[in-house]
Amino acid sequence: MIKATIAAAALVLASAGVTALPAAADSLGCTATYTITTVWGGSQSQGALAQVTVHNSGSSAIKGWRVGWRYTDGTVVAQVGGAVPLPVIGLPGVYAFGNESYNGDIPMGGSTVFGLMTTGGGGRAPSVTCTPA
């Protein structure tokens, strides 16, 4: 009886053009932006401070993140705070960082920031990739 009722209801809805869609699964996602905050000595080649903002762009909380970029102008990261350097094999100027134990959990719509000091280069902020861990 119950199966017949469900089948009849589905037939009525389908004939009215209404279809059932599966519930959307939570998605994990993040974006990151690199901002040069301070340049000293008149040019970044003498040194600069920058910050990277990691934003949770998914529909659920993330439990960790990794970011990466490539400097093409000779910039070198001298120090970092708020992120863990990750090993990178490949092209010169490629950097990758992961979250610290205290800033990996980011709620939906939330963000965290880490900072770095650089030397050399021409003062352009690189494009950053972000991957939820």
N, C-alpha and C. Protein backbone atom coordinates (compact mmCIF):
# COMPACT_ATOMS: atom_id res chain seq x y z
N MET A 1 0.82 -1.19 0.00
CA MET A 1 0.00 0.00 0.00
C MET A 1 0.87 1.26 0.00
N ILE A 2 1.92 1.28 0.87
CA ILE A 2 2.76 2.47 0.95
C ILE A 2 3.53 2.66 -0.35
N LYS A 3 4.04 1.55 -0.93
CA LYS A 3 4.77 1.65 -2.20
C LYS A 3 3.86 2.18 -3.29
N ALA A 4 2.62 1.75 -3.32
CA ALA A 4 1.68 2.21 -4.33
C ALA A 4 1.39 3.69 -4.16
N THR A 5 1.27 4.16 -2.92
CA THR A 5 1.00 5.58 -2.65
C THR A 5 2.18 6.43 -3.09
N ILE A 6 3.41 5.99 -2.78
CA ILE A 6 4.60 6.73 -3.17
C ILE A 6 4.71 6.77 -4.69
N ALA A 7 4.46 5.65 -5.34
CA ALA A 7 4.53 5.59 -6.80
C ALA A 7 3.49 6.51 -7.42
N ALA A 8 2.28 6.54 -6.87
CA ALA A 8 1.23 7.40 -7.40
C ALA A 8 1.60 8.87 -7.21
N ALA A 9 2.15 9.22 -6.05
CA ALA A 9 2.56 10.60 -5.80
C ALA A 9 3.66 11.02 -6.76
N ALA A 10 4.62 10.13 -7.00
CA ALA A 10 5.70 10.44 -7.93
C ALA A 10 5.17 10.64 -9.34
N LEU A 11 4.19 9.83 -9.74
CA LEU A 11 3.59 9.96 -11.06
C LEU A 11 2.87 11.29 -11.21
N VAL A 12 2.13 11.70 -10.17
CA VAL A 12 1.42 12.99 -10.20
C VAL A 12 2.41 14.14 -10.30
N LEU A 13 3.47 14.10 -9.50
CA LEU A 13 4.47 15.17 -9.53
C LEU A 13 5.18 15.22 -10.87
N ALA A 14 5.54 14.05 -11.40
CA ALA A 14 6.23 14.01 -12.69
C ALA A 14 5.34 14.55 -13.81
N SER A 15 4.05 14.24 -13.77
CA SER A 15 3.15 14.73 -14.82
C SER A 15 2.94 16.23 -14.71
N ALA A 16 3.17 16.79 -13.51
CA ALA A 16 3.05 18.24 -13.32
C ALA A 16 4.36 18.95 -13.63
N GLY A 17 5.37 18.20 -14.03
CA GLY A 17 6.66 18.80 -14.38
C GLY A 17 7.57 19.00 -13.18
N VAL A 18 7.23 18.44 -12.04
CA VAL A 18 8.06 18.58 -10.84
C VAL A 18 8.93 17.34 -10.73
N THR A 19 10.22 17.56 -10.60
CA THR A 19 11.12 16.42 -10.43
C THR A 19 11.89 16.60 -9.13
N ALA A 20 12.22 15.51 -8.53
CA ALA A 20 13.00 15.54 -7.30
C ALA A 20 14.47 15.56 -7.64
N LEU A 21 15.21 16.43 -6.97
CA LEU A 21 16.65 16.50 -7.16
C LEU A 21 17.33 15.96 -5.92
N PRO A 22 18.43 15.27 -6.09
CA PRO A 22 19.14 14.79 -4.91
C PRO A 22 19.67 15.97 -4.10
N ALA A 23 19.77 15.79 -2.81
CA ALA A 23 20.29 16.84 -1.95
C ALA A 23 21.74 17.12 -2.33
N ALA A 24 22.08 18.40 -2.35
CA ALA A 24 23.44 18.79 -2.70
C ALA A 24 24.39 18.41 -1.57
N ALA A 25 25.50 17.86 -1.94
CA ALA A 25 26.52 17.49 -0.95
C ALA A 25 27.29 18.74 -0.57
N ASP A 26 27.77 18.78 0.65
CA ASP A 26 28.62 19.88 1.07
C ASP A 26 29.86 19.89 0.21
N SER A 27 30.30 21.08 -0.16
CA SER A 27 31.52 21.17 -0.97
C SER A 27 32.62 21.83 -0.14
N LEU A 28 33.83 21.38 -0.39
CA LEU A 28 35.00 21.97 0.25
C LEU A 28 35.67 22.87 -0.78
N GLY A 29 36.09 24.04 -0.34
CA GLY A 29 36.77 24.94 -1.26
C GLY A 29 37.43 26.08 -0.50
N CYS A 30 38.49 26.61 -1.10
CA CYS A 30 39.13 27.78 -0.51
C CYS A 30 39.74 28.62 -1.61
N THR A 31 39.89 29.89 -1.30
CA THR A 31 40.59 30.83 -2.17
C THR A 31 41.64 31.53 -1.31
N ALA A 32 42.64 32.08 -1.94
CA ALA A 32 43.67 32.80 -1.20
C ALA A 32 44.11 34.03 -1.99
N THR A 33 44.40 35.09 -1.25
CA THR A 33 44.89 36.33 -1.86
C THR A 33 46.19 36.74 -1.20
N TYR A 34 47.10 37.25 -1.98
CA TYR A 34 48.43 37.68 -1.54
C TYR A 34 48.44 39.20 -1.63
N THR A 35 48.76 39.85 -0.52
CA THR A 35 48.78 41.31 -0.48
C THR A 35 50.13 41.79 0.05
N ILE A 36 50.79 42.65 -0.69
CA ILE A 36 52.03 43.28 -0.22
C ILE A 36 51.60 44.42 0.71
N THR A 37 52.03 44.36 1.96
CA THR A 37 51.57 45.34 2.95
C THR A 37 52.60 46.44 3.20
N THR A 38 53.89 46.14 3.09
CA THR A 38 54.94 47.12 3.35
C THR A 38 56.13 46.85 2.46
N VAL A 39 56.68 47.91 1.89
CA VAL A 39 57.92 47.83 1.12
C VAL A 39 58.89 48.82 1.75
N TRP A 40 60.13 48.38 2.02
CA TRP A 40 61.07 49.33 2.60
C TRP A 40 62.25 49.53 1.68
N GLY A 41 62.90 50.66 1.86
CA GLY A 41 64.06 51.00 1.04
C GLY A 41 63.69 51.48 -0.35
N GLY A 42 62.43 51.79 -0.58
CA GLY A 42 62.02 52.32 -1.88
C GLY A 42 61.64 51.27 -2.91
N SER A 43 62.01 50.02 -2.69
CA SER A 43 61.62 48.97 -3.64
C SER A 43 61.58 47.64 -2.93
N GLN A 44 60.82 46.73 -3.48
CA GLN A 44 60.70 45.41 -2.87
C GLN A 44 62.02 44.65 -2.93
N SER A 45 62.91 45.03 -3.83
CA SER A 45 64.18 44.31 -3.92
C SER A 45 64.97 44.41 -2.63
N GLN A 46 64.69 45.42 -1.81
CA GLN A 46 65.36 45.55 -0.52
C GLN A 46 64.60 44.84 0.59
N GLY A 47 63.33 44.56 0.37
CA GLY A 47 62.55 43.82 1.35
C GLY A 47 61.10 44.26 1.36
N ALA A 48 60.22 43.33 1.76
CA ALA A 48 58.80 43.63 1.82
C ALA A 48 58.12 42.69 2.81
N LEU A 49 57.01 43.15 3.31
CA LEU A 49 56.14 42.31 4.12
C LEU A 49 54.88 42.05 3.31
N ALA A 50 54.37 40.85 3.43
CA ALA A 50 53.15 40.48 2.71
C ALA A 50 52.29 39.63 3.62
N GLN A 51 51.01 39.56 3.29
CA GLN A 51 50.12 38.66 4.00
C GLN A 51 49.30 37.88 2.99
N VAL A 52 48.98 36.65 3.37
CA VAL A 52 48.15 35.79 2.54
C VAL A 52 46.89 35.50 3.34
N THR A 53 45.74 35.82 2.74
CA THR A 53 44.45 35.55 3.37
C THR A 53 43.86 34.30 2.74
N VAL A 54 43.56 33.31 3.56
CA VAL A 54 42.94 32.07 3.11
C VAL A 54 41.47 32.13 3.50
N HIS A 55 40.59 32.03 2.52
CA HIS A 55 39.15 32.16 2.73
C HIS A 55 38.45 30.84 2.40
N ASN A 56 37.58 30.40 3.28
CA ASN A 56 36.79 29.19 3.03
C ASN A 56 35.64 29.57 2.10
N SER A 57 35.70 29.12 0.86
CA SER A 57 34.68 29.43 -0.13
C SER A 57 33.70 28.27 -0.34
N GLY A 58 33.84 27.22 0.46
CA GLY A 58 32.97 26.05 0.32
C GLY A 58 31.70 26.19 1.14
N SER A 59 30.91 25.13 1.14
CA SER A 59 29.62 25.14 1.85
C SER A 59 29.70 24.39 3.18
N SER A 60 30.91 24.07 3.61
CA SER A 60 31.10 23.45 4.93
C SER A 60 32.49 23.84 5.45
N ALA A 61 32.70 23.61 6.72
CA ALA A 61 33.98 23.96 7.34
C ALA A 61 35.10 23.12 6.73
N ILE A 62 36.31 23.69 6.70
CA ILE A 62 37.47 22.93 6.28
C ILE A 62 38.37 22.70 7.50
N LYS A 63 39.11 21.62 7.46
CA LYS A 63 39.94 21.21 8.60
C LYS A 63 41.43 21.44 8.35
N GLY A 64 41.76 22.05 7.24
CA GLY A 64 43.15 22.34 6.91
C GLY A 64 43.22 22.92 5.52
N TRP A 65 44.35 23.51 5.17
CA TRP A 65 44.52 24.13 3.86
C TRP A 65 46.00 24.12 3.45
N ARG A 66 46.20 24.24 2.15
CA ARG A 66 47.52 24.38 1.55
C ARG A 66 47.43 25.46 0.49
N VAL A 67 48.44 26.32 0.44
CA VAL A 67 48.50 27.35 -0.59
C VAL A 67 49.84 27.26 -1.30
N GLY A 68 49.88 27.77 -2.52
CA GLY A 68 51.12 27.75 -3.27
C GLY A 68 51.14 28.84 -4.32
N TRP A 69 52.34 29.24 -4.71
CA TRP A 69 52.52 30.23 -5.77
C TRP A 69 53.93 30.14 -6.31
N ARG A 70 54.15 30.90 -7.39
CA ARG A 70 55.48 30.96 -7.98
C ARG A 70 55.82 32.41 -8.23
N TYR A 71 56.97 32.83 -7.69
CA TYR A 71 57.52 34.15 -8.02
C TYR A 71 58.30 34.00 -9.31
N THR A 72 58.09 34.91 -10.22
CA THR A 72 58.84 34.88 -11.48
C THR A 72 59.82 36.04 -11.58
N ASP A 73 59.95 36.81 -10.49
CA ASP A 73 60.78 38.02 -10.51
C ASP A 73 61.98 37.96 -9.56
N GLY A 74 62.30 36.77 -9.04
CA GLY A 74 63.43 36.63 -8.15
C GLY A 74 63.14 36.83 -6.67
N THR A 75 61.89 37.03 -6.31
CA THR A 75 61.52 37.20 -4.91
C THR A 75 61.84 35.93 -4.13
N VAL A 76 62.31 36.08 -2.90
CA VAL A 76 62.64 34.97 -2.02
C VAL A 76 61.92 35.19 -0.69
N VAL A 77 61.28 34.15 -0.16
CA VAL A 77 60.67 34.23 1.16
C VAL A 77 61.76 34.05 2.20
N ALA A 78 61.93 35.06 3.07
CA ALA A 78 62.96 35.01 4.10
C ALA A 78 62.41 34.48 5.42
N GLN A 79 61.18 34.83 5.75
CA GLN A 79 60.55 34.38 6.99
C GLN A 79 59.06 34.24 6.77
N VAL A 80 58.44 33.37 7.55
CA VAL A 80 56.99 33.20 7.49
C VAL A 80 56.46 33.00 8.90
N GLY A 81 55.28 33.53 9.16
CA GLY A 81 54.64 33.33 10.45
C GLY A 81 53.18 32.99 10.25
N GLY A 82 52.71 31.94 10.90
CA GLY A 82 51.31 31.54 10.79
C GLY A 82 51.04 30.48 9.75
N ALA A 83 52.10 29.91 9.18
CA ALA A 83 51.97 28.82 8.21
C ALA A 83 53.23 27.98 8.27
N VAL A 84 53.11 26.75 7.80
CA VAL A 84 54.23 25.81 7.79
C VAL A 84 54.74 25.65 6.36
N PRO A 85 56.04 25.91 6.12
CA PRO A 85 56.57 25.68 4.77
C PRO A 85 56.46 24.21 4.40
N LEU A 86 56.04 23.95 3.17
CA LEU A 86 55.92 22.58 2.66
C LEU A 86 57.02 22.34 1.63
N PRO A 87 57.50 21.11 1.52
CA PRO A 87 58.55 20.83 0.54
C PRO A 87 58.03 20.99 -0.89
N VAL A 88 58.87 21.60 -1.71
CA VAL A 88 58.52 21.82 -3.12
C VAL A 88 59.69 21.36 -3.96
N ILE A 89 59.39 20.56 -4.96
CA ILE A 89 60.41 20.10 -5.89
C ILE A 89 60.02 20.64 -7.26
N GLY A 90 60.96 21.29 -7.91
CA GLY A 90 60.63 21.78 -9.24
C GLY A 90 61.28 23.11 -9.54
N LEU A 91 60.51 23.99 -10.08
CA LEU A 91 60.99 25.27 -10.58
C LEU A 91 61.44 26.20 -9.46
N PRO A 92 62.45 27.03 -9.72
CA PRO A 92 62.84 28.03 -8.73
C PRO A 92 61.70 29.02 -8.51
N GLY A 93 61.61 29.54 -7.32
CA GLY A 93 60.59 30.54 -7.01
C GLY A 93 59.25 29.96 -6.61
N VAL A 94 59.13 28.63 -6.56
CA VAL A 94 57.86 27.99 -6.19
C VAL A 94 57.84 27.79 -4.68
N TYR A 95 56.75 28.21 -4.05
CA TYR A 95 56.58 28.07 -2.60
C TYR A 95 55.24 27.44 -2.29
N ALA A 96 55.20 26.69 -1.20
CA ALA A 96 53.94 26.09 -0.73
C ALA A 96 53.95 26.14 0.80
N PHE A 97 52.78 26.39 1.36
CA PHE A 97 52.61 26.49 2.80
C PHE A 97 51.33 25.80 3.21
N GLY A 98 51.34 25.25 4.41
CA GLY A 98 50.15 24.64 4.98
C GLY A 98 49.80 25.31 6.29
N ASN A 99 48.65 24.96 6.80
CA ASN A 99 48.18 25.57 8.04
C ASN A 99 49.00 25.13 9.25
N GLU A 100 49.01 25.97 10.26
CA GLU A 100 49.52 25.62 11.59
C GLU A 100 48.41 24.84 12.29
N SER A 101 48.73 24.25 13.44
CA SER A 101 47.71 23.47 14.17
C SER A 101 46.56 24.35 14.66
N TYR A 102 46.81 25.62 14.85
CA TYR A 102 45.80 26.52 15.42
C TYR A 102 44.96 27.27 14.39
N ASN A 103 45.31 27.22 13.11
CA ASN A 103 44.54 28.00 12.14
C ASN A 103 44.06 27.19 10.93
N GLY A 104 44.00 25.87 11.09
CA GLY A 104 43.54 25.03 9.98
C GLY A 104 42.04 24.93 9.86
N ASP A 105 41.34 24.99 10.98
CA ASP A 105 39.88 24.91 10.96
C ASP A 105 39.30 26.27 10.59
N ILE A 106 38.64 26.33 9.45
CA ILE A 106 38.02 27.58 9.00
C ILE A 106 36.55 27.30 8.75
N PRO A 107 35.65 28.00 9.44
CA PRO A 107 34.22 27.77 9.22
C PRO A 107 33.79 28.28 7.85
N MET A 108 32.64 27.83 7.40
CA MET A 108 32.09 28.28 6.13
C MET A 108 32.05 29.81 6.13
N GLY A 109 32.63 30.43 5.10
CA GLY A 109 32.66 31.89 4.99
C GLY A 109 33.75 32.57 5.79
N GLY A 110 34.51 31.81 6.59
CA GLY A 110 35.55 32.38 7.43
C GLY A 110 36.88 32.47 6.71
N SER A 111 37.85 33.06 7.39
CA SER A 111 39.18 33.18 6.80
C SER A 111 40.25 33.24 7.89
N THR A 112 41.48 33.06 7.48
CA THR A 112 42.64 33.21 8.35
C THR A 112 43.73 33.89 7.53
N VAL A 113 44.70 34.47 8.22
CA VAL A 113 45.77 35.22 7.56
C VAL A 113 47.12 34.75 8.10
N PHE A 114 48.11 34.66 7.21
CA PHE A 114 49.48 34.47 7.66
C PHE A 114 50.38 35.47 6.96
N GLY A 115 51.53 35.74 7.58
CA GLY A 115 52.41 36.76 7.05
C GLY A 115 53.76 36.22 6.64
N LEU A 116 54.46 37.00 5.81
CA LEU A 116 55.79 36.62 5.39
C LEU A 116 56.62 37.84 5.07
N MET A 117 57.93 37.65 5.14
CA MET A 117 58.88 38.69 4.77
C MET A 117 59.64 38.19 3.55
N THR A 118 59.79 39.05 2.56
CA THR A 118 60.48 38.66 1.33
C THR A 118 61.65 39.60 1.05
N THR A 119 62.56 39.14 0.21
CA THR A 119 63.64 39.96 -0.30
C THR A 119 63.73 39.75 -1.80
N GLY A 120 64.35 40.70 -2.47
CA GLY A 120 64.52 40.59 -3.92
C GLY A 120 63.20 40.79 -4.65
N GLY A 121 63.25 40.68 -5.93
CA GLY A 121 62.04 40.73 -6.73
C GLY A 121 61.62 42.12 -7.14
N GLY A 122 60.50 42.16 -7.82
CA GLY A 122 60.04 43.40 -8.39
C GLY A 122 58.77 43.97 -7.80
N GLY A 123 58.22 43.34 -6.80
CA GLY A 123 57.08 43.93 -6.12
C GLY A 123 55.72 43.55 -6.64
N ARG A 124 55.61 42.47 -7.36
CA ARG A 124 54.30 42.02 -7.85
C ARG A 124 53.78 40.89 -6.99
N ALA A 125 52.53 40.98 -6.62
CA ALA A 125 51.89 39.90 -5.85
C ALA A 125 51.58 38.74 -6.80
N PRO A 126 51.98 37.53 -6.47
CA PRO A 126 51.71 36.39 -7.35
C PRO A 126 50.27 35.89 -7.19
N SER A 127 49.81 35.15 -8.17
CA SER A 127 48.53 34.46 -8.05
C SER A 127 48.73 33.27 -7.12
N VAL A 128 47.76 33.02 -6.26
CA VAL A 128 47.88 31.97 -5.24
C VAL A 128 46.82 30.91 -5.47
N THR A 129 47.22 29.65 -5.39
CA THR A 129 46.26 28.55 -5.42
C THR A 129 46.00 28.10 -3.99
N CYS A 130 44.80 27.61 -3.74
CA CYS A 130 44.44 27.14 -2.42
C CYS A 130 43.71 25.81 -2.55
N THR A 131 44.07 24.88 -1.67
CA THR A 131 43.45 23.56 -1.65
C THR A 131 43.08 23.21 -0.22
N PRO A 132 41.82 22.86 0.03
CA PRO A 132 41.48 22.39 1.38
C PRO A 132 42.17 21.06 1.64
N ALA A 133 42.68 20.88 2.84
CA ALA A 133 43.39 19.65 3.16
C ALA A 133 42.43 18.66 3.83
